[in-house]
PDB file of N, CA and C in Angstrom:
ATOM      1  N   PHE A   1       4.992 -25.306 -18.033  1.00  0.00           N
ATOM      2  CA  PHE A   1       4.075 -26.023 -17.886  1.00  0.00           C
ATOM      3  C   PHE A   1       2.852 -25.000 -18.199  1.00  0.00           C
ATOM      4  N   ALA A   2       1.728 -25.504 -18.771  1.00  0.00           N
ATOM      5  CA  ALA A   2       0.668 -24.698 -18.899  1.00  0.00           C
ATOM      6  C   ALA A   2      -0.701 -25.068 -18.174  1.00  0.00           C
ATOM      7  N   ILE A   3      -1.584 -24.174 -18.097  1.00  0.00           N
ATOM      8  CA  ILE A   3      -2.749 -24.563 -17.044  1.00  0.00           C
ATOM      9  C   ILE A   3      -3.966 -23.976 -18.043  1.00  0.00           C
ATOM     10  N   ARG A   4      -5.349 -24.657 -17.753  1.00  0.00           N
ATOM     11  CA  ARG A   4      -6.307 -24.350 -18.749  1.00  0.00           C
ATOM     12  C   ARG A   4      -7.028 -23.191 -17.801  1.00  0.00           C
ATOM     13  N   GLU A   5      -7.420 -21.955 -18.153  1.00  0.00           N
ATOM     14  CA  GLU A   5      -7.771 -21.126 -17.405  1.00  0.00           C
ATOM     15  C   GLU A   5      -8.813 -20.359 -18.475  1.00  0.00           C
ATOM     16  N   GLY A   6     -10.115 -20.287 -18.120  1.00  0.00           N
ATOM     17  CA  GLY A   6     -11.111 -19.750 -18.981  1.00  0.00           C
ATOM     18  C   GLY A   6     -11.082 -20.374 -20.343  1.00  0.00           C
ATOM     19  N   GLY A   7     -11.075 -21.464 -20.248  1.00  0.00           N
ATOM     20  CA  GLY A   7     -10.953 -22.236 -21.442  1.00  0.00           C
ATOM     21  C   GLY A   7     -10.108 -21.912 -22.619  1.00  0.00           C
ATOM     22  N   ARG A   8      -8.760 -21.207 -22.199  1.00  0.00           N
ATOM     23  CA  ARG A   8      -7.655 -20.928 -22.995  1.00  0.00           C
ATOM     24  C   ARG A   8      -6.684 -21.476 -22.290  1.00  0.00           C
ATOM     25  N   THR A   9      -5.486 -21.809 -22.859  1.00  0.00           N
ATOM     26  CA  THR A   9      -4.041 -22.215 -22.514  1.00  0.00           C
ATOM     27  C   THR A   9      -3.316 -21.061 -21.842  1.00  0.00           C
ATOM     28  N   VAL A  10      -2.846 -21.196 -20.583  1.00  0.00           N
ATOM     29  CA  VAL A  10      -2.176 -20.004 -20.079  1.00  0.00           C
ATOM     30  C   VAL A  10      -0.741 -20.577 -19.693  1.00  0.00           C
ATOM     31  N   GLY A  11       0.281 -19.854 -20.464  1.00  0.00           N
ATOM     32  CA  GLY A  11       1.562 -20.431 -20.204  1.00  0.00           C
ATOM     33  C   GLY A  11       2.693 -19.638 -19.453  1.00  0.00           C
ATOM     34  N   ALA A  12       2.316 -18.246 -19.861  1.00  0.00           N
ATOM     35  CA  ALA A  12       3.091 -17.040 -19.297  1.00  0.00           C
ATOM     36  C   ALA A  12       2.226 -16.564 -18.080  1.00  0.00           C
ATOM     37  N   GLY A  13       3.229 -16.286 -17.025  1.00  0.00           N
ATOM     38  CA  GLY A  13       2.573 -15.660 -16.071  1.00  0.00           C
ATOM     39  C   GLY A  13       1.804 -16.700 -15.019  1.00  0.00           C
ATOM     40  N   VAL A  14       2.045 -17.998 -15.556  1.00  0.00           N
ATOM     41  CA  VAL A  14       1.475 -18.892 -14.488  1.00  0.00           C
ATOM     42  C   VAL A  14       1.903 -19.246 -13.376  1.00  0.00           C
ATOM     43  N   VAL A  15       3.119 -19.171 -13.230  1.00  0.00           N
ATOM     44  CA  VAL A  15       3.541 -19.172 -11.927  1.00  0.00           C
ATOM     45  C   VAL A  15       3.256 -18.242 -11.062  1.00  0.00           C
ATOM     46  N   ALA A  16       3.121 -16.767 -11.752  1.00  0.00           N
ATOM     47  CA  ALA A  16       2.652 -15.510 -10.960  1.00  0.00           C
ATOM     48  C   ALA A  16       1.457 -15.948 -10.162  1.00  0.00           C
ATOM     49  N   LYS A  17       0.622 -16.601 -11.229  1.00  0.00           N
ATOM     50  CA  LYS A  17      -0.850 -16.610 -10.584  1.00  0.00           C
ATOM     51  C   LYS A  17      -0.910 -17.772  -9.333  1.00  0.00           C
ATOM     52  N   ILE A  18       0.221 -18.768  -9.555  1.00  0.00           N
ATOM     53  CA  ILE A  18       0.105 -19.655  -8.356  1.00  0.00           C
ATOM     54  C   ILE A  18       0.648 -19.018  -7.422  1.00  0.00           C
ATOM     55  N   ILE A  19       1.692 -18.164  -7.310  1.00  0.00           N
ATOM     56  CA  ILE A  19       2.161 -17.467  -6.226  1.00  0.00           C
ATOM     57  C   ILE A  19       1.148 -16.693  -5.631  1.00  0.00           C
ATOM     58  N   GLU A  20       0.325 -15.736  -6.452  1.00  0.00           N
ATOM     59  CA  GLU A  20      -0.769 -14.988  -5.580  1.00  0.00           C
ATOM     60  C   GLU A  20      -1.909 -15.686  -5.343  1.00  0.00           C
TER      61      GLU A  20
END
């Protein structure tokens, strides 16, 4: 899945961001 961050689509490392 992907989330919108800073106006860009982030798919890689998104899980890491959620964990952090």
